[in-house]
Amino acid sequence: MSQEPIWKRTLLDLAAALFLIGGVVSLVSMVVMIPIATIYPFMLMAPVRFITVVVLIVGIICAVEAFECYSFTSKRVLSKAGIRGIITGAILLSLSIGLTGIEDLRSHLITASAILMIVAGAMCYVYRE
């Protein structure tokens, strides 16, 4: 049984950390986008747009997928983690750039987490076996 080199183990641990950080940041950013003030009295004070609901659902799915990519990376199933991480990051990046259209801190955080996922996915994809 051959042991992987220390530099490869370090890079894969870094990729796992990037997946975890990207997933947490995007999940928190998506949860903050939920209009909680309109939910409490069980009546909508302001209309919630359909595009906002779609962005929230797809963003939360992407964040959960980042946690799954973290799990794959920690188990060293790099081919699954790599391609899923790249696709998930690309979807999240397109959501943050194209669909929201709002330039605020949340959109920048979602963009940053998408870039982290893409970088981690590329690292896993390069070092797959």
N, C-alpha and C. Protein backbone atom coordinates (compact mmCIF):
# COMPACT_ATOMS: atom_id res chain seq x y z
N MET A 1 0.84 -1.18 0.00
CA MET A 1 0.00 0.00 0.00
C MET A 1 0.89 1.24 0.00
N SER A 2 0.75 2.06 -1.02
CA SER A 2 1.57 3.26 -1.11
C SER A 2 0.87 4.41 -0.41
N GLN A 3 1.67 5.22 0.21
CA GLN A 3 1.13 6.38 0.92
C GLN A 3 1.29 7.61 0.05
N GLU A 4 0.29 8.47 0.03
CA GLU A 4 0.36 9.66 -0.81
C GLU A 4 1.36 10.65 -0.24
N PRO A 5 2.01 11.41 -1.11
CA PRO A 5 3.00 12.39 -0.64
C PRO A 5 2.36 13.46 0.24
N ILE A 6 3.17 14.06 1.06
CA ILE A 6 2.68 15.06 2.01
C ILE A 6 2.13 16.28 1.29
N TRP A 7 2.72 16.70 0.17
CA TRP A 7 2.23 17.87 -0.55
C TRP A 7 0.86 17.62 -1.15
N LYS A 8 0.64 16.38 -1.63
CA LYS A 8 -0.66 16.05 -2.20
C LYS A 8 -1.73 15.98 -1.10
N ARG A 9 -1.37 15.41 0.03
CA ARG A 9 -2.30 15.34 1.16
C ARG A 9 -2.65 16.74 1.65
N THR A 10 -1.66 17.63 1.67
CA THR A 10 -1.90 19.00 2.11
C THR A 10 -2.82 19.74 1.13
N LEU A 11 -2.58 19.56 -0.18
CA LEU A 11 -3.44 20.21 -1.17
C LEU A 11 -4.87 19.68 -1.11
N LEU A 12 -5.03 18.39 -0.89
CA LEU A 12 -6.38 17.83 -0.81
C LEU A 12 -7.09 18.25 0.47
N ASP A 13 -6.33 18.40 1.55
CA ASP A 13 -6.93 18.94 2.78
C ASP A 13 -7.33 20.40 2.59
N LEU A 14 -6.52 21.14 1.83
CA LEU A 14 -6.87 22.52 1.51
C LEU A 14 -8.13 22.58 0.65
N ALA A 15 -8.24 21.66 -0.31
CA ALA A 15 -9.45 21.60 -1.15
C ALA A 15 -10.68 21.29 -0.30
N ALA A 16 -10.54 20.36 0.66
CA ALA A 16 -11.66 20.05 1.54
C ALA A 16 -12.05 21.26 2.38
N ALA A 17 -11.05 22.00 2.86
CA ALA A 17 -11.34 23.20 3.64
C ALA A 17 -12.02 24.26 2.78
N LEU A 18 -11.61 24.39 1.52
CA LEU A 18 -12.24 25.36 0.63
C LEU A 18 -13.69 24.99 0.35
N PHE A 19 -13.97 23.69 0.17
CA PHE A 19 -15.36 23.26 0.00
C PHE A 19 -16.18 23.60 1.24
N LEU A 20 -15.62 23.35 2.41
CA LEU A 20 -16.35 23.60 3.65
C LEU A 20 -16.60 25.10 3.85
N ILE A 21 -15.59 25.92 3.63
CA ILE A 21 -15.74 27.36 3.79
C ILE A 21 -16.73 27.91 2.75
N GLY A 22 -16.59 27.48 1.50
CA GLY A 22 -17.50 27.92 0.46
C GLY A 22 -18.94 27.51 0.73
N GLY A 23 -19.13 26.30 1.24
CA GLY A 23 -20.48 25.84 1.56
C GLY A 23 -21.11 26.62 2.71
N VAL A 24 -20.33 26.86 3.74
CA VAL A 24 -20.86 27.60 4.89
C VAL A 24 -21.19 29.05 4.51
N VAL A 25 -20.29 29.68 3.78
CA VAL A 25 -20.52 31.09 3.40
C VAL A 25 -21.73 31.21 2.49
N SER A 26 -21.85 30.30 1.51
CA SER A 26 -22.99 30.40 0.60
C SER A 26 -24.30 30.05 1.31
N LEU A 27 -24.27 29.08 2.22
CA LEU A 27 -25.49 28.74 2.96
C LEU A 27 -25.94 29.88 3.85
N VAL A 28 -25.01 30.50 4.55
CA VAL A 28 -25.36 31.63 5.41
C VAL A 28 -25.87 32.80 4.57
N SER A 29 -25.22 33.05 3.43
CA SER A 29 -25.66 34.15 2.56
C SER A 29 -27.05 33.89 2.00
N MET A 30 -27.34 32.65 1.66
CA MET A 30 -28.67 32.32 1.14
C MET A 30 -29.75 32.41 2.22
N VAL A 31 -29.42 31.97 3.42
CA VAL A 31 -30.40 32.02 4.50
C VAL A 31 -30.70 33.47 4.88
N VAL A 32 -29.71 34.34 4.80
CA VAL A 32 -29.92 35.75 5.11
C VAL A 32 -30.81 36.42 4.07
N MET A 33 -30.84 35.86 2.84
CA MET A 33 -31.68 36.43 1.79
C MET A 33 -33.17 36.14 2.00
N ILE A 34 -33.49 35.19 2.85
CA ILE A 34 -34.90 34.85 3.09
C ILE A 34 -35.58 36.02 3.80
N PRO A 35 -36.70 36.48 3.29
CA PRO A 35 -37.38 37.62 3.93
C PRO A 35 -38.11 37.19 5.21
N ILE A 36 -37.35 37.06 6.28
CA ILE A 36 -37.89 36.55 7.54
C ILE A 36 -38.93 37.50 8.12
N ALA A 37 -38.76 38.77 7.95
CA ALA A 37 -39.72 39.73 8.51
C ALA A 37 -41.10 39.54 7.90
N THR A 38 -41.18 39.05 6.68
CA THR A 38 -42.49 38.86 6.07
C THR A 38 -43.10 37.52 6.42
N ILE A 39 -42.36 36.63 7.03
CA ILE A 39 -42.89 35.30 7.34
C ILE A 39 -43.56 35.27 8.71
N TYR A 40 -43.07 36.03 9.67
CA TYR A 40 -43.55 35.91 11.04
C TYR A 40 -45.06 36.14 11.20
N PRO A 41 -45.62 37.23 10.71
CA PRO A 41 -47.07 37.38 10.95
C PRO A 41 -47.92 36.54 10.00
N PHE A 42 -47.30 35.67 9.22
CA PHE A 42 -47.98 34.79 8.28
C PHE A 42 -48.77 35.54 7.22
N MET A 43 -48.35 36.74 6.92
CA MET A 43 -48.90 37.49 5.80
C MET A 43 -47.74 38.23 5.15
N LEU A 44 -47.73 38.22 3.86
CA LEU A 44 -46.66 38.86 3.13
C LEU A 44 -46.88 40.36 3.07
N MET A 45 -45.95 41.09 3.65
CA MET A 45 -46.06 42.54 3.62
C MET A 45 -45.57 43.08 2.28
N ALA A 46 -44.61 42.39 1.70
CA ALA A 46 -44.09 42.78 0.38
C ALA A 46 -44.12 41.53 -0.49
N PRO A 47 -44.43 41.67 -1.75
CA PRO A 47 -44.47 40.49 -2.61
C PRO A 47 -43.07 39.90 -2.81
N VAL A 48 -43.00 38.58 -2.71
CA VAL A 48 -41.75 37.87 -2.94
C VAL A 48 -41.73 37.46 -4.41
N ARG A 49 -40.70 37.88 -5.10
CA ARG A 49 -40.62 37.57 -6.52
C ARG A 49 -40.27 36.12 -6.74
N PHE A 50 -40.73 35.59 -7.86
CA PHE A 50 -40.47 34.20 -8.22
C PHE A 50 -38.98 33.95 -8.39
N ILE A 51 -38.27 34.90 -8.96
CA ILE A 51 -36.84 34.73 -9.19
C ILE A 51 -36.08 34.63 -7.87
N THR A 52 -36.56 35.32 -6.84
CA THR A 52 -35.93 35.24 -5.52
C THR A 52 -36.09 33.85 -4.94
N VAL A 53 -37.26 33.26 -5.10
CA VAL A 53 -37.50 31.91 -4.60
C VAL A 53 -36.62 30.90 -5.33
N VAL A 54 -36.50 31.06 -6.65
CA VAL A 54 -35.65 30.15 -7.44
C VAL A 54 -34.19 30.28 -7.02
N VAL A 55 -33.71 31.50 -6.85
CA VAL A 55 -32.32 31.72 -6.44
C VAL A 55 -32.08 31.12 -5.07
N LEU A 56 -33.01 31.28 -4.15
CA LEU A 56 -32.85 30.71 -2.81
C LEU A 56 -32.79 29.19 -2.85
N ILE A 57 -33.69 28.56 -3.58
CA ILE A 57 -33.73 27.10 -3.62
C ILE A 57 -32.48 26.53 -4.28
N VAL A 58 -32.10 27.10 -5.43
CA VAL A 58 -30.91 26.60 -6.13
C VAL A 58 -29.65 26.89 -5.32
N GLY A 59 -29.59 28.04 -4.68
CA GLY A 59 -28.42 28.38 -3.86
C GLY A 59 -28.27 27.47 -2.65
N ILE A 60 -29.37 27.13 -2.01
CA ILE A 60 -29.30 26.22 -0.86
C ILE A 60 -28.91 24.82 -1.31
N ILE A 61 -29.41 24.38 -2.47
CA ILE A 61 -29.01 23.08 -3.00
C ILE A 61 -27.51 23.08 -3.32
N CYS A 62 -27.00 24.16 -3.88
CA CYS A 62 -25.56 24.25 -4.18
C CYS A 62 -24.73 24.24 -2.90
N ALA A 63 -25.21 24.89 -1.86
CA ALA A 63 -24.47 24.90 -0.59
C ALA A 63 -24.43 23.50 0.02
N VAL A 64 -25.53 22.78 -0.05
CA VAL A 64 -25.56 21.41 0.47
C VAL A 64 -24.65 20.51 -0.36
N GLU A 65 -24.62 20.74 -1.66
CA GLU A 65 -23.73 19.97 -2.54
C GLU A 65 -22.26 20.24 -2.21
N ALA A 66 -21.94 21.46 -1.78
CA ALA A 66 -20.56 21.76 -1.37
C ALA A 66 -20.17 20.93 -0.15
N PHE A 67 -21.11 20.72 0.76
CA PHE A 67 -20.82 19.86 1.92
C PHE A 67 -20.61 18.42 1.49
N GLU A 68 -21.36 17.98 0.48
CA GLU A 68 -21.17 16.63 -0.04
C GLU A 68 -19.80 16.51 -0.73
N CYS A 69 -19.39 17.55 -1.44
CA CYS A 69 -18.06 17.55 -2.06
C CYS A 69 -16.97 17.52 -0.99
N TYR A 70 -17.19 18.20 0.12
CA TYR A 70 -16.26 18.11 1.25
C TYR A 70 -16.15 16.68 1.75
N SER A 71 -17.29 16.01 1.85
CA SER A 71 -17.29 14.62 2.30
C SER A 71 -16.54 13.72 1.32
N PHE A 72 -16.78 13.94 0.03
CA PHE A 72 -16.07 13.14 -0.98
C PHE A 72 -14.57 13.40 -0.92
N THR A 73 -14.18 14.64 -0.72
CA THR A 73 -12.76 14.96 -0.66
C THR A 73 -12.11 14.34 0.56
N SER A 74 -12.79 14.37 1.69
CA SER A 74 -12.20 13.78 2.90
C SER A 74 -12.12 12.27 2.80
N LYS A 75 -12.99 11.66 1.99
CA LYS A 75 -12.93 10.21 1.76
C LYS A 75 -12.02 9.86 0.58
N ARG A 76 -11.44 10.88 -0.06
CA ARG A 76 -10.54 10.75 -1.22
C ARG A 76 -11.22 10.15 -2.45
N VAL A 77 -12.50 10.47 -2.64
CA VAL A 77 -13.21 10.14 -3.87
C VAL A 77 -13.13 11.41 -4.73
N LEU A 78 -11.96 11.63 -5.31
CA LEU A 78 -11.65 12.92 -5.90
C LEU A 78 -12.34 13.17 -7.22
N SER A 79 -12.62 12.13 -7.99
CA SER A 79 -13.27 12.37 -9.28
C SER A 79 -14.68 12.91 -9.08
N LYS A 80 -15.41 12.36 -8.13
CA LYS A 80 -16.76 12.88 -7.85
C LYS A 80 -16.70 14.27 -7.25
N ALA A 81 -15.80 14.47 -6.32
CA ALA A 81 -15.70 15.78 -5.66
C ALA A 81 -15.27 16.85 -6.65
N GLY A 82 -14.37 16.51 -7.56
CA GLY A 82 -13.86 17.50 -8.50
C GLY A 82 -14.91 18.00 -9.46
N ILE A 83 -15.56 17.09 -10.16
CA ILE A 83 -16.51 17.51 -11.18
C ILE A 83 -17.76 18.12 -10.55
N ARG A 84 -18.22 17.57 -9.43
CA ARG A 84 -19.38 18.16 -8.75
C ARG A 84 -19.07 19.53 -8.19
N GLY A 85 -17.86 19.71 -7.67
CA GLY A 85 -17.48 21.00 -7.13
C GLY A 85 -17.39 22.08 -8.20
N ILE A 86 -16.86 21.71 -9.37
CA ILE A 86 -16.76 22.66 -10.47
C ILE A 86 -18.15 23.05 -10.97
N ILE A 87 -19.01 22.06 -11.13
CA ILE A 87 -20.37 22.34 -11.62
C ILE A 87 -21.16 23.16 -10.60
N THR A 88 -21.07 22.77 -9.34
CA THR A 88 -21.79 23.50 -8.29
C THR A 88 -21.29 24.94 -8.19
N GLY A 89 -19.99 25.12 -8.23
CA GLY A 89 -19.43 26.48 -8.19
C GLY A 89 -19.85 27.32 -9.38
N ALA A 90 -19.89 26.69 -10.56
CA ALA A 90 -20.31 27.43 -11.76
C ALA A 90 -21.77 27.84 -11.68
N ILE A 91 -22.62 26.95 -11.18
CA ILE A 91 -24.04 27.30 -11.03
C ILE A 91 -24.21 28.43 -10.02
N LEU A 92 -23.51 28.32 -8.91
CA LEU A 92 -23.60 29.36 -7.88
C LEU A 92 -23.03 30.69 -8.39
N LEU A 93 -21.97 30.63 -9.17
CA LEU A 93 -21.40 31.84 -9.74
C LEU A 93 -22.36 32.50 -10.72
N SER A 94 -23.03 31.69 -11.54
CA SER A 94 -24.00 32.27 -12.47
C SER A 94 -25.19 32.86 -11.73
N LEU A 95 -25.58 32.24 -10.62
CA LEU A 95 -26.66 32.82 -9.81
C LEU A 95 -26.26 34.16 -9.24
N SER A 96 -25.06 34.24 -8.70
CA SER A 96 -24.66 35.47 -8.03
C SER A 96 -24.39 36.60 -9.02
N ILE A 97 -23.92 36.26 -10.21
CA ILE A 97 -23.61 37.31 -11.19
C ILE A 97 -24.82 37.67 -12.04
N GLY A 98 -25.50 36.65 -12.57
CA GLY A 98 -26.52 36.92 -13.57
C GLY A 98 -27.91 37.17 -13.05
N LEU A 99 -28.36 36.38 -12.12
CA LEU A 99 -29.78 36.43 -11.78
C LEU A 99 -30.12 37.43 -10.69
N THR A 100 -29.26 37.59 -9.72
CA THR A 100 -29.64 38.47 -8.62
C THR A 100 -29.64 39.93 -9.04
N GLY A 101 -28.61 40.38 -9.73
CA GLY A 101 -28.57 41.76 -10.20
C GLY A 101 -28.40 42.78 -9.11
N ILE A 102 -28.14 42.35 -7.91
CA ILE A 102 -27.99 43.26 -6.77
C ILE A 102 -26.52 43.28 -6.37
N GLU A 103 -25.95 44.45 -6.29
CA GLU A 103 -24.56 44.58 -5.87
C GLU A 103 -24.52 44.92 -4.39
N ASP A 104 -24.44 43.92 -3.55
CA ASP A 104 -24.30 44.14 -2.12
C ASP A 104 -23.34 43.11 -1.57
N LEU A 105 -23.17 43.11 -0.26
CA LEU A 105 -22.22 42.22 0.38
C LEU A 105 -22.59 40.75 0.18
N ARG A 106 -23.89 40.44 0.22
CA ARG A 106 -24.32 39.04 0.05
C ARG A 106 -23.93 38.50 -1.32
N SER A 107 -24.13 39.28 -2.36
CA SER A 107 -23.79 38.79 -3.70
C SER A 107 -22.28 38.62 -3.84
N HIS A 108 -21.52 39.49 -3.20
CA HIS A 108 -20.06 39.34 -3.24
C HIS A 108 -19.61 38.10 -2.45
N LEU A 109 -20.27 37.83 -1.34
CA LEU A 109 -19.94 36.63 -0.56
C LEU A 109 -20.30 35.36 -1.33
N ILE A 110 -21.43 35.38 -2.02
CA ILE A 110 -21.83 34.22 -2.82
C ILE A 110 -20.86 34.02 -3.97
N THR A 111 -20.42 35.11 -4.59
CA THR A 111 -19.43 35.01 -5.67
C THR A 111 -18.11 34.45 -5.13
N ALA A 112 -17.68 34.91 -3.98
CA ALA A 112 -16.44 34.41 -3.39
C ALA A 112 -16.55 32.93 -3.03
N SER A 113 -17.68 32.52 -2.48
CA SER A 113 -17.83 31.10 -2.14
C SER A 113 -17.90 30.24 -3.39
N ALA A 114 -18.48 30.74 -4.47
CA ALA A 114 -18.51 30.00 -5.73
C ALA A 114 -17.10 29.84 -6.28
N ILE A 115 -16.30 30.88 -6.19
CA ILE A 115 -14.91 30.79 -6.66
C ILE A 115 -14.12 29.80 -5.81
N LEU A 116 -14.35 29.79 -4.51
CA LEU A 116 -13.69 28.81 -3.65
C LEU A 116 -14.06 27.39 -4.04
N MET A 117 -15.34 27.16 -4.35
CA MET A 117 -15.77 25.82 -4.76
C MET A 117 -15.16 25.42 -6.10
N ILE A 118 -15.07 26.36 -7.02
CA ILE A 118 -14.47 26.05 -8.33
C ILE A 118 -12.99 25.71 -8.18
N VAL A 119 -12.28 26.48 -7.36
CA VAL A 119 -10.86 26.21 -7.14
C VAL A 119 -10.66 24.85 -6.47
N ALA A 120 -11.48 24.56 -5.46
CA ALA A 120 -11.36 23.27 -4.77
C ALA A 120 -11.73 22.12 -5.71
N GLY A 121 -12.74 22.32 -6.52
CA GLY A 121 -13.12 21.29 -7.47
C GLY A 121 -12.03 21.04 -8.51
N ALA A 122 -11.39 22.12 -8.97
CA ALA A 122 -10.28 21.96 -9.92
C ALA A 122 -9.10 21.24 -9.28
N MET A 123 -8.82 21.54 -8.03
CA MET A 123 -7.73 20.84 -7.34
C MET A 123 -8.02 19.35 -7.21
N CYS A 124 -9.25 19.03 -6.87
CA CYS A 124 -9.61 17.61 -6.75
C CYS A 124 -9.60 16.93 -8.10
N TYR A 125 -10.05 17.61 -9.13
CA TYR A 125 -10.10 17.02 -10.46
C TYR A 125 -8.70 16.78 -11.02
N VAL A 126 -7.78 17.69 -10.73
CA VAL A 126 -6.39 17.53 -11.21
C VAL A 126 -5.72 16.35 -10.52
N TYR A 127 -5.96 16.16 -9.23
CA TYR A 127 -5.28 15.11 -8.48
C TYR A 127 -6.11 13.84 -8.33
N ARG A 128 -7.11 13.65 -9.17
CA ARG A 128 -7.90 12.42 -9.11
C ARG A 128 -7.04 11.26 -9.61
N GLU A 129 -7.48 10.07 -9.32
CA GLU A 129 -6.73 8.88 -9.76
C GLU A 129 -7.61 7.94 -10.51
